[in-house]
């Protein structure tokens, strides 16, 4: 029988397992470095304003809370990630570019444990692709 007086421990968060704020910030800035410099992401880059650094900082805030770290981004009243992108003309091509650039960013960050990296790539890729409108079903 379990000792009910023993302190309860929670599992380590992905945020903590990957090294916290420094790693998340590096990941977000690597992502936007790719978007800003790799011609493969030209359509995705065109959806962003002239300055990518503030957007990278916002992405780092989102990822921090999403990964179990500080939830400042969520508590700032920004709304949900989907509603924030509602007016952005995301299509299947740009959603795929986002998912690919994020996967490359994750793969280039050695502080992200492999099992967390795979879950991040899968979940964030599905999230990005779900922002593109669904194609009309064939009749």
N, C-alpha and C. Protein backbone atom coordinates (compact mmCIF):
# COMPACT_ATOMS: atom_id res chain seq x y z
N UNK A 1 0.83 -1.16 0.00
CA UNK A 1 0.00 0.00 0.00
C UNK A 1 0.89 1.25 0.00
N UNK A 2 0.48 2.27 -0.76
CA UNK A 2 1.27 3.50 -0.86
C UNK A 2 1.17 4.30 0.43
N UNK A 3 2.26 4.95 0.78
CA UNK A 3 2.30 5.81 1.95
C UNK A 3 1.68 7.16 1.58
N UNK A 4 0.49 7.42 2.11
CA UNK A 4 -0.24 8.64 1.74
C UNK A 4 0.38 9.89 2.35
N UNK A 5 1.31 9.74 3.28
CA UNK A 5 1.96 10.91 3.87
C UNK A 5 3.23 11.30 3.11
N UNK A 6 3.68 10.44 2.21
CA UNK A 6 4.88 10.75 1.42
C UNK A 6 4.58 11.91 0.47
N UNK A 7 5.55 12.80 0.29
CA UNK A 7 5.33 13.91 -0.64
C UNK A 7 5.09 13.39 -2.05
N UNK A 8 4.18 14.02 -2.75
CA UNK A 8 3.89 13.65 -4.12
C UNK A 8 4.89 14.34 -5.04
N UNK A 9 5.46 13.59 -5.93
CA UNK A 9 6.38 14.17 -6.89
C UNK A 9 5.72 14.14 -8.26
N UNK A 10 5.95 15.17 -9.03
CA UNK A 10 5.40 15.20 -10.38
C UNK A 10 6.53 14.87 -11.34
N UNK A 11 6.18 14.28 -12.47
CA UNK A 11 7.23 13.96 -13.44
C UNK A 11 7.85 15.24 -13.97
N UNK A 12 9.09 15.13 -14.39
CA UNK A 12 9.79 16.28 -14.95
C UNK A 12 9.08 16.73 -16.23
N UNK A 13 8.94 18.02 -16.39
CA UNK A 13 8.29 18.54 -17.59
C UNK A 13 9.25 18.48 -18.77
N UNK A 14 8.71 18.47 -19.99
CA UNK A 14 9.59 18.56 -21.16
C UNK A 14 10.45 19.82 -21.12
N UNK A 15 9.88 20.92 -20.64
CA UNK A 15 10.60 22.18 -20.51
C UNK A 15 11.86 22.00 -19.66
N UNK A 16 11.71 21.36 -18.51
CA UNK A 16 12.85 21.13 -17.62
C UNK A 16 13.83 20.12 -18.23
N UNK A 17 13.29 19.07 -18.83
CA UNK A 17 14.14 18.02 -19.40
C UNK A 17 15.04 18.53 -20.51
N UNK A 18 14.58 19.57 -21.22
CA UNK A 18 15.39 20.09 -22.33
C UNK A 18 16.24 21.28 -21.95
N UNK A 19 16.21 21.67 -20.69
CA UNK A 19 17.10 22.73 -20.24
C UNK A 19 16.46 24.08 -20.01
N UNK A 20 15.14 24.15 -20.11
CA UNK A 20 14.43 25.38 -19.77
C UNK A 20 14.52 26.49 -20.79
N UNK A 21 14.47 27.72 -20.27
CA UNK A 21 14.32 28.92 -21.10
C UNK A 21 15.40 29.07 -22.15
N UNK A 22 16.63 28.78 -21.81
CA UNK A 22 17.73 28.96 -22.76
C UNK A 22 17.54 28.10 -24.00
N UNK A 23 17.18 26.85 -23.79
CA UNK A 23 16.99 25.93 -24.91
C UNK A 23 15.78 26.32 -25.73
N UNK A 24 14.67 26.66 -25.06
CA UNK A 24 13.45 27.02 -25.78
C UNK A 24 13.68 28.29 -26.61
N UNK A 25 14.36 29.24 -26.03
CA UNK A 25 14.65 30.48 -26.76
C UNK A 25 15.55 30.19 -27.97
N UNK A 26 16.56 29.36 -27.80
CA UNK A 26 17.44 29.01 -28.93
C UNK A 26 16.64 28.31 -30.03
N UNK A 27 15.75 27.44 -29.65
CA UNK A 27 14.92 26.72 -30.61
C UNK A 27 14.04 27.69 -31.40
N UNK A 28 13.37 28.61 -30.72
CA UNK A 28 12.49 29.57 -31.39
C UNK A 28 13.28 30.49 -32.32
N UNK A 29 14.45 30.93 -31.88
CA UNK A 29 15.24 31.83 -32.73
C UNK A 29 15.85 31.06 -33.90
N UNK A 30 16.22 29.82 -33.71
CA UNK A 30 16.72 29.00 -34.83
C UNK A 30 15.62 28.83 -35.87
N UNK A 31 14.38 28.60 -35.41
CA UNK A 31 13.25 28.47 -36.30
C UNK A 31 13.11 29.71 -37.18
N UNK A 32 13.09 30.89 -36.55
CA UNK A 32 12.92 32.11 -37.33
C UNK A 32 14.16 32.48 -38.13
N UNK A 33 15.34 32.04 -37.72
CA UNK A 33 16.53 32.21 -38.56
C UNK A 33 16.36 31.44 -39.86
N UNK A 34 15.84 30.21 -39.76
CA UNK A 34 15.59 29.41 -40.96
C UNK A 34 14.52 30.06 -41.84
N UNK A 35 13.42 30.48 -41.23
CA UNK A 35 12.34 31.10 -41.99
C UNK A 35 12.83 32.35 -42.71
N UNK A 36 13.69 33.10 -42.06
CA UNK A 36 14.19 34.34 -42.65
C UNK A 36 15.29 34.18 -43.67
N UNK A 37 15.95 33.02 -43.69
CA UNK A 37 17.12 32.89 -44.57
C UNK A 37 17.02 31.79 -45.61
N UNK A 38 16.20 30.78 -45.41
CA UNK A 38 16.15 29.64 -46.33
C UNK A 38 15.06 29.88 -47.38
N UNK A 39 15.43 29.91 -48.66
CA UNK A 39 14.43 30.14 -49.72
C UNK A 39 13.30 29.11 -49.72
N UNK A 40 13.51 27.95 -49.13
CA UNK A 40 12.46 26.93 -49.07
C UNK A 40 11.25 27.41 -48.28
N UNK A 41 11.45 28.47 -47.48
CA UNK A 41 10.36 28.97 -46.63
C UNK A 41 9.89 30.36 -47.07
N UNK A 42 10.08 30.69 -48.33
CA UNK A 42 9.76 32.03 -48.83
C UNK A 42 8.30 32.41 -48.61
N UNK A 43 7.40 31.48 -48.88
CA UNK A 43 5.97 31.79 -48.71
C UNK A 43 5.64 32.01 -47.24
N UNK A 44 6.22 31.20 -46.39
CA UNK A 44 6.01 31.36 -44.95
C UNK A 44 6.59 32.69 -44.48
N UNK A 45 7.77 33.04 -44.95
CA UNK A 45 8.40 34.31 -44.56
C UNK A 45 7.53 35.48 -44.96
N UNK A 46 6.89 35.40 -46.12
CA UNK A 46 6.06 36.49 -46.62
C UNK A 46 4.84 36.76 -45.73
N UNK A 47 4.45 35.80 -44.92
CA UNK A 47 3.30 35.98 -44.02
C UNK A 47 3.65 36.78 -42.77
N UNK A 48 4.93 37.02 -42.55
CA UNK A 48 5.40 37.70 -41.35
C UNK A 48 5.79 39.14 -41.66
N UNK A 49 5.82 39.97 -40.65
CA UNK A 49 6.23 41.36 -40.81
C UNK A 49 7.72 41.47 -41.03
N UNK A 50 8.21 42.69 -41.06
CA UNK A 50 9.63 42.91 -41.36
C UNK A 50 10.58 42.41 -40.27
N UNK A 51 10.13 42.39 -39.03
CA UNK A 51 11.00 41.99 -37.91
C UNK A 51 10.60 40.62 -37.39
N UNK A 52 11.53 39.68 -37.41
CA UNK A 52 11.25 38.33 -36.93
C UNK A 52 11.62 38.12 -35.46
N UNK A 53 12.54 38.93 -34.93
CA UNK A 53 12.99 38.72 -33.54
C UNK A 53 11.84 38.80 -32.53
N UNK A 54 10.93 39.78 -32.63
CA UNK A 54 9.83 39.81 -31.65
C UNK A 54 8.90 38.60 -31.77
N UNK A 55 8.74 38.12 -33.01
CA UNK A 55 7.90 36.94 -33.22
C UNK A 55 8.60 35.71 -32.63
N UNK A 56 9.91 35.64 -32.77
CA UNK A 56 10.67 34.53 -32.18
C UNK A 56 10.53 34.54 -30.66
N UNK A 57 10.58 35.72 -30.07
CA UNK A 57 10.41 35.82 -28.61
C UNK A 57 9.02 35.36 -28.20
N UNK A 58 8.01 35.71 -28.99
CA UNK A 58 6.65 35.26 -28.69
C UNK A 58 6.54 33.75 -28.82
N UNK A 59 7.14 33.19 -29.87
CA UNK A 59 7.13 31.73 -30.03
C UNK A 59 7.81 31.06 -28.84
N UNK A 60 8.91 31.62 -28.37
CA UNK A 60 9.60 31.06 -27.20
C UNK A 60 8.67 31.08 -25.98
N UNK A 61 7.92 32.16 -25.81
CA UNK A 61 6.98 32.24 -24.70
C UNK A 61 5.89 31.19 -24.81
N UNK A 62 5.34 31.04 -26.02
CA UNK A 62 4.32 30.01 -26.25
C UNK A 62 4.89 28.63 -25.94
N UNK A 63 6.05 28.32 -26.53
CA UNK A 63 6.63 26.99 -26.34
C UNK A 63 6.96 26.73 -24.87
N UNK A 64 7.42 27.74 -24.16
CA UNK A 64 7.75 27.56 -22.74
C UNK A 64 6.53 27.07 -21.96
N UNK A 65 5.41 27.76 -22.11
CA UNK A 65 4.20 27.34 -21.41
C UNK A 65 3.67 26.02 -21.90
N UNK A 66 3.71 25.82 -23.20
CA UNK A 66 3.21 24.59 -23.81
C UNK A 66 4.02 23.37 -23.34
N UNK A 67 5.30 23.57 -23.08
CA UNK A 67 6.18 22.48 -22.66
C UNK A 67 6.22 22.29 -21.14
N UNK A 68 5.43 23.07 -20.41
CA UNK A 68 5.37 22.89 -18.96
C UNK A 68 6.18 23.88 -18.16
N UNK A 69 6.69 24.90 -18.82
CA UNK A 69 7.45 25.93 -18.13
C UNK A 69 6.56 27.11 -17.75
N UNK A 70 7.15 28.27 -17.56
CA UNK A 70 6.37 29.46 -17.19
C UNK A 70 5.26 29.73 -18.21
N UNK A 71 4.09 30.05 -17.72
CA UNK A 71 2.92 30.24 -18.56
C UNK A 71 2.60 31.71 -18.82
N UNK A 72 3.62 32.56 -18.74
CA UNK A 72 3.43 34.00 -18.94
C UNK A 72 2.73 34.31 -20.26
N UNK A 73 3.12 33.63 -21.34
CA UNK A 73 2.53 33.88 -22.65
C UNK A 73 1.03 33.63 -22.60
N UNK A 74 0.62 32.54 -21.98
CA UNK A 74 -0.80 32.18 -21.91
C UNK A 74 -1.57 33.12 -21.00
N UNK A 75 -0.93 33.57 -19.94
CA UNK A 75 -1.59 34.42 -18.96
C UNK A 75 -1.61 35.89 -19.38
N UNK A 76 -0.98 36.22 -20.50
CA UNK A 76 -0.92 37.61 -20.96
C UNK A 76 -2.19 38.04 -21.68
N UNK A 77 -3.14 37.14 -21.86
CA UNK A 77 -4.39 37.49 -22.51
C UNK A 77 -4.33 37.47 -24.02
N UNK A 78 -3.36 36.79 -24.59
CA UNK A 78 -3.23 36.75 -26.05
C UNK A 78 -4.32 35.92 -26.71
N UNK A 79 -4.97 35.06 -25.98
CA UNK A 79 -5.95 34.16 -26.58
C UNK A 79 -5.29 32.86 -26.97
N UNK A 80 -5.97 32.11 -27.77
CA UNK A 80 -5.41 30.82 -28.17
C UNK A 80 -4.58 30.98 -29.45
N UNK A 81 -3.69 30.07 -29.66
CA UNK A 81 -2.78 30.14 -30.80
C UNK A 81 -3.56 30.10 -32.12
N UNK A 82 -4.68 29.39 -32.15
CA UNK A 82 -5.46 29.29 -33.37
C UNK A 82 -6.16 30.61 -33.69
N UNK A 83 -6.74 31.25 -32.68
CA UNK A 83 -7.42 32.52 -32.94
C UNK A 83 -6.42 33.61 -33.33
N UNK A 84 -5.22 33.57 -32.80
CA UNK A 84 -4.20 34.55 -33.17
C UNK A 84 -3.83 34.46 -34.64
N UNK A 85 -3.95 33.29 -35.20
CA UNK A 85 -3.58 33.09 -36.60
C UNK A 85 -4.79 33.08 -37.53
N UNK A 86 -5.97 33.38 -37.01
CA UNK A 86 -7.19 33.32 -37.79
C UNK A 86 -7.19 34.20 -39.03
N UNK A 87 -6.58 35.36 -38.96
CA UNK A 87 -6.57 36.29 -40.09
C UNK A 87 -5.38 36.07 -41.02
N UNK A 88 -4.49 35.15 -40.67
CA UNK A 88 -3.31 34.89 -41.49
C UNK A 88 -3.70 33.88 -42.58
N UNK A 89 -3.38 34.19 -43.83
CA UNK A 89 -3.78 33.29 -44.92
C UNK A 89 -2.88 32.03 -45.00
N UNK A 90 -3.05 31.17 -44.05
CA UNK A 90 -2.26 29.93 -43.99
C UNK A 90 -2.89 28.92 -44.95
N UNK A 91 -2.06 28.33 -45.78
CA UNK A 91 -2.54 27.25 -46.65
C UNK A 91 -1.71 26.00 -46.38
N UNK A 92 -1.99 24.95 -47.10
CA UNK A 92 -1.27 23.69 -46.85
C UNK A 92 0.23 23.82 -47.10
N UNK A 93 0.59 24.63 -48.07
CA UNK A 93 2.02 24.81 -48.37
C UNK A 93 2.74 25.53 -47.23
N UNK A 94 2.18 26.65 -46.76
CA UNK A 94 2.85 27.39 -45.69
C UNK A 94 2.79 26.63 -44.36
N UNK A 95 1.72 25.89 -44.13
CA UNK A 95 1.66 25.06 -42.92
C UNK A 95 2.74 23.99 -42.96
N UNK A 96 2.94 23.40 -44.14
CA UNK A 96 3.99 22.39 -44.30
C UNK A 96 5.38 23.00 -44.12
N UNK A 97 5.56 24.23 -44.62
CA UNK A 97 6.84 24.92 -44.44
C UNK A 97 7.10 25.17 -42.96
N UNK A 98 6.06 25.58 -42.23
CA UNK A 98 6.21 25.83 -40.79
C UNK A 98 6.63 24.54 -40.09
N UNK A 99 5.92 23.45 -40.39
CA UNK A 99 6.22 22.17 -39.74
C UNK A 99 7.63 21.71 -40.07
N UNK A 100 8.06 21.89 -41.31
CA UNK A 100 9.40 21.47 -41.71
C UNK A 100 10.48 22.31 -41.02
N UNK A 101 10.29 23.63 -40.99
CA UNK A 101 11.28 24.49 -40.33
C UNK A 101 11.35 24.19 -38.84
N UNK A 102 10.21 23.90 -38.22
CA UNK A 102 10.21 23.57 -36.79
C UNK A 102 10.92 22.24 -36.57
N UNK A 103 10.66 21.26 -37.41
CA UNK A 103 11.33 19.96 -37.27
C UNK A 103 12.84 20.12 -37.41
N UNK A 104 13.28 20.91 -38.37
CA UNK A 104 14.72 21.17 -38.53
C UNK A 104 15.30 21.86 -37.31
N UNK A 105 14.55 22.81 -36.76
CA UNK A 105 15.02 23.53 -35.57
C UNK A 105 15.17 22.58 -34.39
N UNK A 106 14.18 21.74 -34.21
CA UNK A 106 14.21 20.77 -33.11
C UNK A 106 15.38 19.80 -33.31
N UNK A 107 15.54 19.31 -34.53
CA UNK A 107 16.62 18.36 -34.81
C UNK A 107 18.00 18.97 -34.61
N UNK A 108 18.11 20.29 -34.76
CA UNK A 108 19.42 20.94 -34.63
C UNK A 108 19.76 21.29 -33.18
N UNK A 109 18.83 21.04 -32.27
CA UNK A 109 19.04 21.42 -30.87
C UNK A 109 19.38 20.17 -30.04
N UNK A 110 20.67 19.97 -29.72
CA UNK A 110 21.08 18.74 -29.03
C UNK A 110 20.56 18.63 -27.60
N UNK A 111 20.09 19.72 -27.01
CA UNK A 111 19.59 19.66 -25.63
C UNK A 111 18.18 19.11 -25.54
N UNK A 112 17.52 18.90 -26.67
CA UNK A 112 16.17 18.33 -26.66
C UNK A 112 16.30 16.81 -26.71
N UNK A 113 15.88 16.11 -25.65
CA UNK A 113 15.96 14.65 -25.65
C UNK A 113 15.18 14.06 -26.83
N UNK A 114 15.69 12.99 -27.43
CA UNK A 114 15.07 12.43 -28.64
C UNK A 114 13.57 12.12 -28.50
N UNK A 115 13.15 11.57 -27.38
CA UNK A 115 11.73 11.22 -27.24
C UNK A 115 10.86 12.47 -27.17
N UNK A 116 11.37 13.54 -26.59
CA UNK A 116 10.63 14.81 -26.55
C UNK A 116 10.65 15.45 -27.93
N UNK A 117 11.77 15.36 -28.61
CA UNK A 117 11.88 15.93 -29.96
C UNK A 117 10.85 15.31 -30.89
N UNK A 118 10.71 14.00 -30.85
CA UNK A 118 9.75 13.33 -31.74
C UNK A 118 8.32 13.74 -31.42
N UNK A 119 7.98 13.83 -30.15
CA UNK A 119 6.62 14.26 -29.78
C UNK A 119 6.37 15.70 -30.17
N UNK A 120 7.36 16.54 -29.98
CA UNK A 120 7.22 17.95 -30.38
C UNK A 120 6.99 18.07 -31.88
N UNK A 121 7.82 17.39 -32.66
CA UNK A 121 7.69 17.48 -34.12
C UNK A 121 6.32 17.00 -34.57
N UNK A 122 5.87 15.90 -34.00
CA UNK A 122 4.57 15.35 -34.38
C UNK A 122 3.44 16.30 -34.00
N UNK A 123 3.41 16.72 -32.75
CA UNK A 123 2.30 17.54 -32.27
C UNK A 123 2.31 18.93 -32.90
N UNK A 124 3.45 19.59 -32.95
CA UNK A 124 3.51 20.92 -33.54
C UNK A 124 3.24 20.87 -35.05
N UNK A 125 3.69 19.82 -35.71
CA UNK A 125 3.40 19.66 -37.14
C UNK A 125 1.91 19.50 -37.39
N UNK A 126 1.25 18.68 -36.57
CA UNK A 126 -0.20 18.52 -36.71
C UNK A 126 -0.92 19.82 -36.41
N UNK A 127 -0.43 20.56 -35.40
CA UNK A 127 -1.05 21.83 -35.05
C UNK A 127 -0.94 22.81 -36.22
N UNK A 128 0.24 22.91 -36.81
CA UNK A 128 0.44 23.83 -37.94
C UNK A 128 -0.47 23.44 -39.11
N UNK A 129 -0.51 22.17 -39.42
CA UNK A 129 -1.31 21.73 -40.57
C UNK A 129 -2.81 21.91 -40.32
N UNK A 130 -3.22 21.88 -39.06
CA UNK A 130 -4.65 22.05 -38.77
C UNK A 130 -5.09 23.51 -38.95
N UNK A 131 -4.15 24.43 -39.07
CA UNK A 131 -4.49 25.84 -39.29
C UNK A 131 -4.82 26.14 -40.75
N UNK A 132 -4.45 25.24 -41.65
CA UNK A 132 -4.80 25.41 -43.06
C UNK A 132 -6.25 24.99 -43.25
N UNK A 133 -6.97 25.70 -44.12
CA UNK A 133 -8.37 25.32 -44.33
C UNK A 133 -8.47 23.92 -44.92
N UNK A 134 -9.53 23.26 -44.54
CA UNK A 134 -9.77 21.93 -45.09
C UNK A 134 -10.22 22.08 -46.54
N UNK A 135 -9.74 21.16 -47.36
CA UNK A 135 -10.16 21.20 -48.75
C UNK A 135 -11.59 20.66 -48.84
N UNK A 136 -12.35 21.22 -49.77
CA UNK A 136 -13.73 20.76 -49.95
C UNK A 136 -13.73 19.31 -50.38
N UNK A 137 -14.62 18.56 -49.80
CA UNK A 137 -14.73 17.13 -50.15
C UNK A 137 -15.29 16.99 -51.57
N UNK A 138 -14.77 16.02 -52.27
CA UNK A 138 -15.25 15.77 -53.64
C UNK A 138 -16.67 15.26 -53.58
N UNK A 139 -17.49 15.71 -54.50
CA UNK A 139 -18.89 15.28 -54.53
C UNK A 139 -19.04 14.03 -55.33
